[in-house]
Amino acid sequence: MNECLKQSAEFGINHVDAGHMQPVGCAAKVVEVAQQYPDGRMDVIVEGTRRFRLLELKNDDHPYATGEIEELEDEDVPVDHVLVDGCLTSYNLIVHLVYGATANVLTAQDLSLTPSFDMAPKSGLSTPQKQQLLELSSENARLELLHTHLSDLLPMIKKAETVQRIVQSDGYIRAVT
């Protein structure tokens, strides 16, 4: 990590599950060192920069894995703005329900050319869903996955919110208006 900080260099992140490294990963750069500890460890905040496929792991003297990669490009298809708007609406509703009225919501102006990656971090995706999102080569396909997930998640959050209100009212069920 110190090398990356000194050189402002990217590094790769691949998900490893049960000893198996996923071939598609994400290059990242450090945007902030949140905490540095006396023993040299540090907590860092990173930002993903691009997707890649790991072609081959190298055997070298580094204390971390290195490898040969190829950058993954998205299909050249226009982004479906109706799908973006649907995801954004559901995303902001969920953020409001989970984090409250003071939560920062996203606007269309906040979104990059890959809005699925802007919304994914706070969308409650499981690790396999995050990997699937990363592997999809079309922004529209990623938005469809995200839209389906958010549509499935919204009723569960609303139900949990109702249960929480009942618990907070000492178990008395009141009419919800």
N, C-alpha and C. Protein backbone atom coordinates (compact mmCIF):
# COMPACT_ATOMS: atom_id res chain seq x y z
N MET A 1 0.83 -1.19 0.00
CA MET A 1 0.00 0.00 0.00
C MET A 1 0.88 1.25 0.00
N ASN A 2 1.98 1.19 0.74
CA ASN A 2 2.88 2.35 0.78
C ASN A 2 3.41 2.68 -0.62
N GLU A 3 3.72 1.64 -1.41
CA GLU A 3 4.17 1.85 -2.79
C GLU A 3 3.11 2.60 -3.59
N CYS A 4 1.87 2.16 -3.47
CA CYS A 4 0.76 2.79 -4.20
C CYS A 4 0.58 4.24 -3.77
N LEU A 5 0.71 4.51 -2.48
CA LEU A 5 0.57 5.88 -1.99
C LEU A 5 1.69 6.77 -2.50
N LYS A 6 2.94 6.28 -2.46
CA LYS A 6 4.08 7.07 -2.90
C LYS A 6 4.00 7.41 -4.39
N GLN A 7 3.52 6.44 -5.18
CA GLN A 7 3.50 6.61 -6.63
C GLN A 7 2.13 7.01 -7.16
N SER A 8 1.16 7.22 -6.27
CA SER A 8 -0.23 7.47 -6.68
C SER A 8 -0.69 6.41 -7.68
N ALA A 9 -0.33 5.18 -7.41
CA ALA A 9 -0.59 4.07 -8.32
C ALA A 9 -1.88 3.34 -7.95
N GLU A 10 -2.47 2.73 -8.96
CA GLU A 10 -3.64 1.87 -8.74
C GLU A 10 -3.17 0.50 -8.28
N PHE A 11 -4.11 -0.23 -7.68
CA PHE A 11 -3.88 -1.62 -7.34
C PHE A 11 -5.16 -2.37 -7.64
N GLY A 12 -5.08 -3.67 -7.76
CA GLY A 12 -6.23 -4.47 -8.12
C GLY A 12 -6.87 -5.14 -6.92
N ILE A 13 -8.18 -5.28 -6.98
CA ILE A 13 -8.93 -5.99 -5.95
C ILE A 13 -9.75 -7.07 -6.64
N ASN A 14 -9.51 -8.31 -6.26
CA ASN A 14 -10.29 -9.45 -6.74
C ASN A 14 -10.91 -10.14 -5.54
N HIS A 15 -12.15 -10.54 -5.68
CA HIS A 15 -12.83 -11.25 -4.60
C HIS A 15 -12.30 -12.68 -4.53
N VAL A 16 -11.99 -13.12 -3.31
CA VAL A 16 -11.55 -14.49 -3.07
C VAL A 16 -12.56 -15.15 -2.15
N ASP A 17 -13.07 -16.31 -2.57
CA ASP A 17 -14.06 -17.04 -1.79
C ASP A 17 -13.66 -18.51 -1.75
N ALA A 18 -13.51 -19.02 -0.55
CA ALA A 18 -13.12 -20.42 -0.35
C ALA A 18 -11.85 -20.77 -1.13
N GLY A 19 -10.89 -19.85 -1.12
CA GLY A 19 -9.61 -20.10 -1.77
C GLY A 19 -9.62 -19.89 -3.28
N HIS A 20 -10.76 -19.49 -3.84
CA HIS A 20 -10.85 -19.28 -5.29
C HIS A 20 -10.92 -17.78 -5.58
N MET A 21 -9.98 -17.30 -6.39
CA MET A 21 -9.96 -15.89 -6.77
C MET A 21 -10.80 -15.69 -8.03
N GLN A 22 -11.75 -14.76 -7.95
CA GLN A 22 -12.56 -14.43 -9.11
C GLN A 22 -11.67 -13.76 -10.16
N PRO A 23 -11.83 -14.10 -11.43
CA PRO A 23 -10.96 -13.53 -12.45
C PRO A 23 -11.25 -12.06 -12.77
N VAL A 24 -12.49 -11.61 -12.56
CA VAL A 24 -12.81 -10.22 -12.84
C VAL A 24 -12.69 -9.42 -11.55
N GLY A 25 -11.91 -8.36 -11.63
CA GLY A 25 -11.69 -7.51 -10.46
C GLY A 25 -11.80 -6.05 -10.82
N CYS A 26 -11.43 -5.22 -9.87
CA CYS A 26 -11.56 -3.78 -10.04
C CYS A 26 -10.24 -3.12 -9.63
N ALA A 27 -9.75 -2.25 -10.51
CA ALA A 27 -8.58 -1.43 -10.15
C ALA A 27 -9.09 -0.33 -9.22
N ALA A 28 -8.25 0.07 -8.29
CA ALA A 28 -8.66 1.08 -7.31
C ALA A 28 -7.49 2.01 -7.01
N LYS A 29 -7.86 3.19 -6.53
CA LYS A 29 -6.84 4.14 -6.08
C LYS A 29 -7.24 4.63 -4.70
N VAL A 30 -6.26 4.95 -3.89
CA VAL A 30 -6.51 5.46 -2.54
C VAL A 30 -6.93 6.92 -2.66
N VAL A 31 -8.07 7.24 -2.05
CA VAL A 31 -8.51 8.64 -2.04
C VAL A 31 -8.29 9.27 -0.67
N GLU A 32 -8.14 8.43 0.36
CA GLU A 32 -7.89 8.98 1.69
C GLU A 32 -7.32 7.89 2.60
N VAL A 33 -6.33 8.28 3.39
CA VAL A 33 -5.86 7.41 4.47
C VAL A 33 -6.63 7.85 5.70
N ALA A 34 -7.58 7.03 6.13
CA ALA A 34 -8.47 7.39 7.23
C ALA A 34 -7.78 7.26 8.58
N GLN A 35 -6.90 6.25 8.71
CA GLN A 35 -6.23 6.00 10.00
C GLN A 35 -4.92 5.29 9.72
N GLN A 36 -3.88 5.73 10.38
CA GLN A 36 -2.59 5.06 10.28
C GLN A 36 -2.19 4.61 11.68
N TYR A 37 -1.79 3.34 11.80
CA TYR A 37 -1.47 2.76 13.10
C TYR A 37 0.04 2.67 13.28
N PRO A 38 0.50 2.66 14.54
CA PRO A 38 1.95 2.63 14.82
C PRO A 38 2.67 1.43 14.18
N ASP A 39 1.96 0.31 14.01
CA ASP A 39 2.61 -0.88 13.44
C ASP A 39 2.67 -0.85 11.91
N GLY A 40 2.22 0.26 11.29
CA GLY A 40 2.30 0.39 9.84
C GLY A 40 0.99 0.10 9.10
N ARG A 41 0.06 -0.56 9.79
CA ARG A 41 -1.23 -0.81 9.15
C ARG A 41 -1.96 0.50 8.95
N MET A 42 -2.91 0.49 8.03
CA MET A 42 -3.70 1.69 7.80
C MET A 42 -5.09 1.33 7.29
N ASP A 43 -6.02 2.20 7.61
CA ASP A 43 -7.37 2.12 7.06
C ASP A 43 -7.42 3.12 5.92
N VAL A 44 -7.79 2.64 4.73
CA VAL A 44 -7.82 3.52 3.57
C VAL A 44 -9.21 3.52 2.94
N ILE A 45 -9.54 4.62 2.33
CA ILE A 45 -10.76 4.74 1.53
C ILE A 45 -10.30 4.75 0.08
N VAL A 46 -10.87 3.83 -0.70
CA VAL A 46 -10.46 3.71 -2.09
C VAL A 46 -11.64 3.98 -3.02
N GLU A 47 -11.30 4.23 -4.26
CA GLU A 47 -12.31 4.44 -5.31
C GLU A 47 -11.96 3.53 -6.48
N GLY A 48 -12.96 2.77 -6.93
CA GLY A 48 -12.75 1.93 -8.10
C GLY A 48 -12.57 2.78 -9.34
N THR A 49 -11.66 2.34 -10.22
CA THR A 49 -11.36 3.14 -11.41
C THR A 49 -11.72 2.42 -12.71
N ARG A 50 -11.55 1.11 -12.75
CA ARG A 50 -11.83 0.37 -13.98
C ARG A 50 -11.91 -1.12 -13.66
N ARG A 51 -12.57 -1.83 -14.56
CA ARG A 51 -12.70 -3.28 -14.39
C ARG A 51 -11.59 -3.97 -15.17
N PHE A 52 -11.18 -5.15 -14.70
CA PHE A 52 -10.16 -5.92 -15.42
C PHE A 52 -10.40 -7.41 -15.24
N ARG A 53 -9.79 -8.17 -16.14
CA ARG A 53 -9.78 -9.63 -16.03
C ARG A 53 -8.35 -10.05 -15.74
N LEU A 54 -8.19 -10.87 -14.72
CA LEU A 54 -6.88 -11.40 -14.36
C LEU A 54 -6.56 -12.55 -15.32
N LEU A 55 -5.49 -12.40 -16.08
CA LEU A 55 -5.11 -13.43 -17.05
C LEU A 55 -4.18 -14.46 -16.45
N GLU A 56 -3.28 -13.97 -15.58
CA GLU A 56 -2.27 -14.88 -15.02
C GLU A 56 -1.69 -14.28 -13.75
N LEU A 57 -1.57 -15.09 -12.72
CA LEU A 57 -0.86 -14.67 -11.51
C LEU A 57 0.63 -14.87 -11.73
N LYS A 58 1.43 -13.93 -11.24
CA LYS A 58 2.89 -14.02 -11.38
C LYS A 58 3.49 -14.53 -10.08
N ASN A 59 4.56 -15.26 -10.22
CA ASN A 59 5.34 -15.68 -9.05
C ASN A 59 6.54 -14.75 -8.96
N ASP A 60 6.45 -13.77 -8.08
CA ASP A 60 7.57 -12.85 -7.91
C ASP A 60 7.83 -12.65 -6.43
N ASP A 61 8.72 -11.74 -6.10
CA ASP A 61 9.16 -11.55 -4.73
C ASP A 61 8.28 -10.61 -3.91
N HIS A 62 7.19 -10.14 -4.47
CA HIS A 62 6.32 -9.22 -3.73
C HIS A 62 5.56 -9.96 -2.63
N PRO A 63 5.29 -9.28 -1.53
CA PRO A 63 4.53 -9.91 -0.44
C PRO A 63 3.01 -9.93 -0.72
N TYR A 64 2.63 -9.56 -1.93
CA TYR A 64 1.23 -9.52 -2.34
C TYR A 64 1.15 -10.12 -3.74
N ALA A 65 -0.03 -10.51 -4.14
CA ALA A 65 -0.22 -11.12 -5.46
C ALA A 65 -0.08 -10.08 -6.55
N THR A 66 0.58 -10.45 -7.64
CA THR A 66 0.66 -9.61 -8.83
C THR A 66 0.26 -10.47 -10.02
N GLY A 67 -0.13 -9.82 -11.08
CA GLY A 67 -0.55 -10.61 -12.23
C GLY A 67 -0.65 -9.80 -13.50
N GLU A 68 -0.90 -10.54 -14.57
CA GLU A 68 -1.12 -9.96 -15.89
C GLU A 68 -2.63 -9.78 -16.05
N ILE A 69 -3.05 -8.58 -16.47
CA ILE A 69 -4.48 -8.29 -16.59
C ILE A 69 -4.81 -7.74 -17.98
N GLU A 70 -6.10 -7.78 -18.31
CA GLU A 70 -6.61 -7.05 -19.47
C GLU A 70 -7.76 -6.19 -18.98
N GLU A 71 -7.79 -4.96 -19.46
CA GLU A 71 -8.86 -4.05 -19.09
C GLU A 71 -10.15 -4.47 -19.79
N LEU A 72 -11.26 -4.39 -19.09
CA LEU A 72 -12.56 -4.75 -19.67
C LEU A 72 -13.30 -3.49 -20.07
N GLU A 73 -13.77 -3.46 -21.29
CA GLU A 73 -14.52 -2.33 -21.80
C GLU A 73 -16.00 -2.69 -21.85
N ASP A 74 -16.85 -1.71 -21.66
CA ASP A 74 -18.29 -1.91 -21.79
C ASP A 74 -18.69 -1.94 -23.26
N GLU A 75 -19.80 -2.64 -23.53
CA GLU A 75 -20.39 -2.60 -24.87
C GLU A 75 -20.76 -1.16 -25.18
N ASP A 76 -20.62 -0.77 -26.42
CA ASP A 76 -20.92 0.60 -26.83
C ASP A 76 -22.41 0.72 -27.17
N VAL A 77 -23.23 0.81 -26.12
CA VAL A 77 -24.68 0.90 -26.26
C VAL A 77 -25.15 2.10 -25.43
N PRO A 78 -26.06 2.91 -25.97
CA PRO A 78 -26.56 4.06 -25.18
C PRO A 78 -27.23 3.59 -23.89
N VAL A 79 -27.01 4.34 -22.83
CA VAL A 79 -27.61 4.01 -21.53
C VAL A 79 -29.09 4.32 -21.58
N ASP A 80 -29.90 3.40 -21.07
CA ASP A 80 -31.36 3.55 -21.02
C ASP A 80 -31.69 4.50 -19.86
N HIS A 81 -32.04 5.75 -20.18
CA HIS A 81 -32.28 6.75 -19.14
C HIS A 81 -33.55 6.49 -18.35
N VAL A 82 -34.52 5.79 -18.93
CA VAL A 82 -35.72 5.40 -18.19
C VAL A 82 -35.32 4.41 -17.08
N LEU A 83 -34.43 3.49 -17.41
CA LEU A 83 -33.92 2.54 -16.43
C LEU A 83 -33.10 3.24 -15.35
N VAL A 84 -32.29 4.22 -15.74
CA VAL A 84 -31.52 5.01 -14.77
C VAL A 84 -32.47 5.70 -13.81
N ASP A 85 -33.51 6.35 -14.35
CA ASP A 85 -34.47 7.08 -13.51
C ASP A 85 -35.19 6.13 -12.55
N GLY A 86 -35.57 4.95 -13.03
CA GLY A 86 -36.23 3.96 -12.17
C GLY A 86 -35.33 3.51 -11.03
N CYS A 87 -34.07 3.23 -11.36
CA CYS A 87 -33.11 2.83 -10.33
C CYS A 87 -32.88 3.97 -9.33
N LEU A 88 -32.73 5.16 -9.85
CA LEU A 88 -32.45 6.32 -9.00
C LEU A 88 -33.61 6.58 -8.04
N THR A 89 -34.84 6.47 -8.53
CA THR A 89 -36.01 6.67 -7.69
C THR A 89 -36.06 5.64 -6.57
N SER A 90 -35.90 4.36 -6.92
CA SER A 90 -35.92 3.30 -5.91
C SER A 90 -34.76 3.44 -4.94
N TYR A 91 -33.57 3.73 -5.46
CA TYR A 91 -32.38 3.91 -4.64
C TYR A 91 -32.60 5.01 -3.60
N ASN A 92 -33.09 6.17 -4.06
CA ASN A 92 -33.28 7.29 -3.14
C ASN A 92 -34.36 7.00 -2.11
N LEU A 93 -35.39 6.27 -2.48
CA LEU A 93 -36.43 5.90 -1.53
C LEU A 93 -35.85 4.98 -0.45
N ILE A 94 -35.06 4.03 -0.86
CA ILE A 94 -34.43 3.12 0.10
C ILE A 94 -33.46 3.87 1.00
N VAL A 95 -32.64 4.73 0.44
CA VAL A 95 -31.71 5.53 1.24
C VAL A 95 -32.47 6.35 2.27
N HIS A 96 -33.57 6.95 1.86
CA HIS A 96 -34.40 7.75 2.77
C HIS A 96 -34.99 6.87 3.88
N LEU A 97 -35.51 5.69 3.53
CA LEU A 97 -36.10 4.80 4.54
C LEU A 97 -35.04 4.28 5.52
N VAL A 98 -33.88 3.95 5.02
CA VAL A 98 -32.84 3.34 5.86
C VAL A 98 -32.07 4.39 6.67
N TYR A 99 -31.71 5.50 6.04
CA TYR A 99 -30.85 6.48 6.69
C TYR A 99 -31.59 7.70 7.23
N GLY A 100 -32.87 7.85 6.87
CA GLY A 100 -33.66 8.96 7.40
C GLY A 100 -33.71 10.15 6.47
N ALA A 101 -34.47 11.13 6.91
CA ALA A 101 -34.74 12.31 6.09
C ALA A 101 -33.50 13.14 5.79
N THR A 102 -32.48 13.03 6.62
CA THR A 102 -31.27 13.84 6.41
C THR A 102 -30.25 13.16 5.50
N ALA A 103 -30.57 11.98 5.00
CA ALA A 103 -29.64 11.23 4.15
C ALA A 103 -29.40 11.97 2.84
N ASN A 104 -28.19 11.85 2.35
CA ASN A 104 -27.87 12.44 1.05
C ASN A 104 -28.42 11.55 -0.05
N VAL A 105 -29.28 12.10 -0.86
CA VAL A 105 -29.82 11.35 -2.00
C VAL A 105 -29.02 11.73 -3.24
N LEU A 106 -29.10 10.90 -4.25
CA LEU A 106 -28.41 11.17 -5.51
C LEU A 106 -29.37 11.84 -6.48
N THR A 107 -28.82 12.74 -7.27
CA THR A 107 -29.59 13.34 -8.36
C THR A 107 -28.96 12.87 -9.67
N ALA A 108 -29.66 13.07 -10.75
CA ALA A 108 -29.13 12.67 -12.06
C ALA A 108 -27.80 13.36 -12.33
N GLN A 109 -27.63 14.57 -11.81
CA GLN A 109 -26.38 15.31 -12.03
C GLN A 109 -25.21 14.71 -11.25
N ASP A 110 -25.51 13.95 -10.20
CA ASP A 110 -24.46 13.32 -9.39
C ASP A 110 -23.87 12.09 -10.07
N LEU A 111 -24.58 11.55 -11.05
CA LEU A 111 -24.22 10.26 -11.63
C LEU A 111 -23.13 10.40 -12.70
N SER A 112 -22.28 9.39 -12.74
CA SER A 112 -21.22 9.34 -13.75
C SER A 112 -21.77 8.65 -15.01
N LEU A 113 -20.88 8.28 -15.91
CA LEU A 113 -21.29 7.56 -17.11
C LEU A 113 -21.68 6.12 -16.80
N THR A 114 -21.36 5.66 -15.59
CA THR A 114 -21.75 4.32 -15.13
C THR A 114 -22.55 4.45 -13.84
N PRO A 115 -23.82 4.87 -13.94
CA PRO A 115 -24.62 5.11 -12.75
C PRO A 115 -24.82 3.89 -11.87
N SER A 116 -24.75 2.70 -12.44
CA SER A 116 -24.91 1.49 -11.61
C SER A 116 -23.81 1.44 -10.55
N PHE A 117 -22.60 1.83 -10.92
CA PHE A 117 -21.49 1.82 -9.96
C PHE A 117 -21.63 2.94 -8.93
N ASP A 118 -22.34 4.01 -9.27
CA ASP A 118 -22.58 5.09 -8.31
C ASP A 118 -23.58 4.65 -7.23
N MET A 119 -24.57 3.84 -7.62
CA MET A 119 -25.63 3.43 -6.70
C MET A 119 -25.32 2.13 -5.97
N ALA A 120 -24.51 1.27 -6.54
CA ALA A 120 -24.27 -0.06 -5.99
C ALA A 120 -23.76 -0.07 -4.54
N PRO A 121 -22.83 0.82 -4.16
CA PRO A 121 -22.27 0.70 -2.80
C PRO A 121 -23.29 0.75 -1.66
N LYS A 122 -24.37 1.51 -1.79
CA LYS A 122 -25.36 1.60 -0.72
C LYS A 122 -26.67 0.90 -1.08
N SER A 123 -26.59 -0.07 -1.98
CA SER A 123 -27.80 -0.74 -2.44
C SER A 123 -28.07 -2.07 -1.76
N GLY A 124 -27.22 -2.47 -0.84
CA GLY A 124 -27.47 -3.72 -0.11
C GLY A 124 -27.23 -4.97 -0.93
N LEU A 125 -26.37 -4.89 -1.93
CA LEU A 125 -26.06 -6.07 -2.74
C LEU A 125 -25.23 -7.06 -1.94
N SER A 126 -25.49 -8.34 -2.14
CA SER A 126 -24.67 -9.38 -1.53
C SER A 126 -23.33 -9.44 -2.28
N THR A 127 -22.36 -10.11 -1.72
CA THR A 127 -21.06 -10.23 -2.39
C THR A 127 -21.20 -10.90 -3.76
N PRO A 128 -21.96 -12.00 -3.89
CA PRO A 128 -22.12 -12.57 -5.25
C PRO A 128 -22.80 -11.61 -6.22
N GLN A 129 -23.75 -10.82 -5.74
CA GLN A 129 -24.40 -9.84 -6.61
C GLN A 129 -23.42 -8.75 -7.04
N LYS A 130 -22.56 -8.32 -6.12
CA LYS A 130 -21.55 -7.32 -6.47
C LYS A 130 -20.61 -7.87 -7.54
N GLN A 131 -20.22 -9.13 -7.39
CA GLN A 131 -19.34 -9.75 -8.38
C GLN A 131 -20.05 -9.85 -9.72
N GLN A 132 -21.32 -10.24 -9.70
CA GLN A 132 -22.09 -10.34 -10.94
C GLN A 132 -22.17 -8.97 -11.62
N LEU A 133 -22.43 -7.93 -10.85
CA LEU A 133 -22.51 -6.58 -11.37
C LEU A 133 -21.19 -6.19 -12.04
N LEU A 134 -20.09 -6.51 -11.38
CA LEU A 134 -18.77 -6.18 -11.89
C LEU A 134 -18.48 -6.91 -13.20
N GLU A 135 -18.98 -8.13 -13.34
CA GLU A 135 -18.68 -8.94 -14.52
C GLU A 135 -19.53 -8.58 -15.73
N LEU A 136 -20.66 -7.90 -15.53
CA LEU A 136 -21.52 -7.55 -16.66
C LEU A 136 -20.85 -6.50 -17.54
N SER A 137 -20.92 -6.69 -18.86
CA SER A 137 -20.20 -5.81 -19.79
C SER A 137 -21.08 -4.74 -20.41
N SER A 138 -22.26 -4.53 -19.84
CA SER A 138 -23.17 -3.51 -20.35
C SER A 138 -23.75 -2.73 -19.19
N GLU A 139 -23.71 -1.40 -19.28
CA GLU A 139 -24.30 -0.58 -18.22
C GLU A 139 -25.79 -0.86 -18.08
N ASN A 140 -26.48 -1.09 -19.19
CA ASN A 140 -27.91 -1.39 -19.11
C ASN A 140 -28.16 -2.72 -18.39
N ALA A 141 -27.32 -3.71 -18.62
CA ALA A 141 -27.46 -5.00 -17.91
C ALA A 141 -27.22 -4.80 -16.42
N ARG A 142 -26.22 -3.98 -16.06
CA ARG A 142 -25.97 -3.70 -14.64
C ARG A 142 -27.15 -2.96 -14.03
N LEU A 143 -27.73 -2.00 -14.77
CA LEU A 143 -28.89 -1.27 -14.26
C LEU A 143 -30.10 -2.19 -14.10
N GLU A 144 -30.28 -3.13 -15.01
CA GLU A 144 -31.38 -4.08 -14.88
C GLU A 144 -31.21 -4.94 -13.63
N LEU A 145 -29.99 -5.42 -13.38
CA LEU A 145 -29.72 -6.20 -12.16
C LEU A 145 -30.01 -5.35 -10.93
N LEU A 146 -29.56 -4.13 -10.93
CA LEU A 146 -29.75 -3.23 -9.80
C LEU A 146 -31.23 -2.91 -9.60
N HIS A 147 -31.94 -2.65 -10.69
CA HIS A 147 -33.37 -2.34 -10.60
C HIS A 147 -34.15 -3.52 -10.02
N THR A 148 -33.86 -4.73 -10.48
CA THR A 148 -34.51 -5.92 -9.93
C THR A 148 -34.22 -6.06 -8.45
N HIS A 149 -32.96 -5.87 -8.08
CA HIS A 149 -32.57 -5.98 -6.66
C HIS A 149 -33.30 -4.94 -5.82
N LEU A 150 -33.29 -3.69 -6.26
CA LEU A 150 -33.93 -2.62 -5.49
C LEU A 150 -35.45 -2.84 -5.40
N SER A 151 -36.05 -3.33 -6.47
CA SER A 151 -37.49 -3.62 -6.47
C SER A 151 -37.83 -4.74 -5.50
N ASP A 152 -36.94 -5.73 -5.37
CA ASP A 152 -37.14 -6.81 -4.40
C ASP A 152 -36.89 -6.34 -2.97
N LEU A 153 -35.95 -5.44 -2.80
CA LEU A 153 -35.54 -4.97 -1.48
C LEU A 153 -36.54 -4.00 -0.86
N LEU A 154 -37.14 -3.16 -1.66
CA LEU A 154 -38.03 -2.10 -1.17
C LEU A 154 -39.17 -2.63 -0.29
N PRO A 155 -39.91 -3.66 -0.71
CA PRO A 155 -40.99 -4.16 0.17
C PRO A 155 -40.46 -4.72 1.49
N MET A 156 -39.28 -5.32 1.47
CA MET A 156 -38.71 -5.86 2.71
C MET A 156 -38.36 -4.72 3.68
N ILE A 157 -37.83 -3.64 3.16
CA ILE A 157 -37.48 -2.50 4.01
C ILE A 157 -38.74 -1.86 4.58
N LYS A 158 -39.76 -1.73 3.74
CA LYS A 158 -41.02 -1.14 4.22
C LYS A 158 -41.64 -2.00 5.31
N LYS A 159 -41.57 -3.33 5.15
CA LYS A 159 -42.11 -4.24 6.17
C LYS A 159 -41.31 -4.11 7.46
N ALA A 160 -40.01 -4.04 7.37
CA ALA A 160 -39.16 -3.89 8.56
C ALA A 160 -39.45 -2.57 9.25
N GLU A 161 -39.70 -1.52 8.47
CA GLU A 161 -40.03 -0.23 9.05
C GLU A 161 -41.35 -0.30 9.82
N THR A 162 -42.34 -1.01 9.27
CA THR A 162 -43.63 -1.18 9.94
C THR A 162 -43.46 -1.95 11.25
N VAL A 163 -42.69 -3.01 11.22
CA VAL A 163 -42.43 -3.80 12.43
C VAL A 163 -41.75 -2.92 13.47
N GLN A 164 -40.80 -2.11 13.05
CA GLN A 164 -40.10 -1.24 13.99
C GLN A 164 -41.06 -0.24 14.64
N ARG A 165 -41.99 0.31 13.86
CA ARG A 165 -42.97 1.24 14.43
C ARG A 165 -43.86 0.53 15.46
N ILE A 166 -44.25 -0.72 15.18
CA ILE A 166 -45.08 -1.47 16.12
C ILE A 166 -44.31 -1.71 17.42
N VAL A 167 -43.04 -2.10 17.30
CA VAL A 167 -42.21 -2.34 18.48
C VAL A 167 -42.05 -1.06 19.29
N GLN A 168 -41.82 0.05 18.60
CA GLN A 168 -41.63 1.32 19.29
C GLN A 168 -42.91 1.82 19.96
N SER A 169 -44.06 1.36 19.49
CA SER A 169 -45.32 1.79 20.11
C SER A 169 -45.80 0.77 21.15
N ASP A 170 -44.84 0.02 21.70
CA ASP A 170 -45.13 -0.96 22.75
C ASP A 170 -46.04 -2.09 22.28
N GLY A 171 -45.98 -2.40 21.01
CA GLY A 171 -46.75 -3.52 20.47
C GLY A 171 -48.15 -3.16 20.03
N TYR A 172 -48.56 -1.91 20.22
CA TYR A 172 -49.89 -1.51 19.76
C TYR A 172 -49.84 -1.19 18.29
N ILE A 173 -50.77 -1.76 17.57
CA ILE A 173 -50.84 -1.51 16.13
C ILE A 173 -51.77 -0.33 15.92
N ARG A 174 -51.24 0.68 15.30
CA ARG A 174 -52.00 1.87 14.99
C ARG A 174 -52.20 1.96 13.50
N ALA A 175 -53.23 2.64 13.12
CA ALA A 175 -53.48 2.81 11.69
C ALA A 175 -52.33 3.59 11.08
N VAL A 176 -51.85 3.09 9.96
CA VAL A 176 -50.78 3.75 9.26
C VAL A 176 -51.41 4.59 8.16
N THR A 177 -51.14 5.88 8.19
CA THR A 177 -51.73 6.77 7.17
C THR A 177 -50.71 7.23 6.19
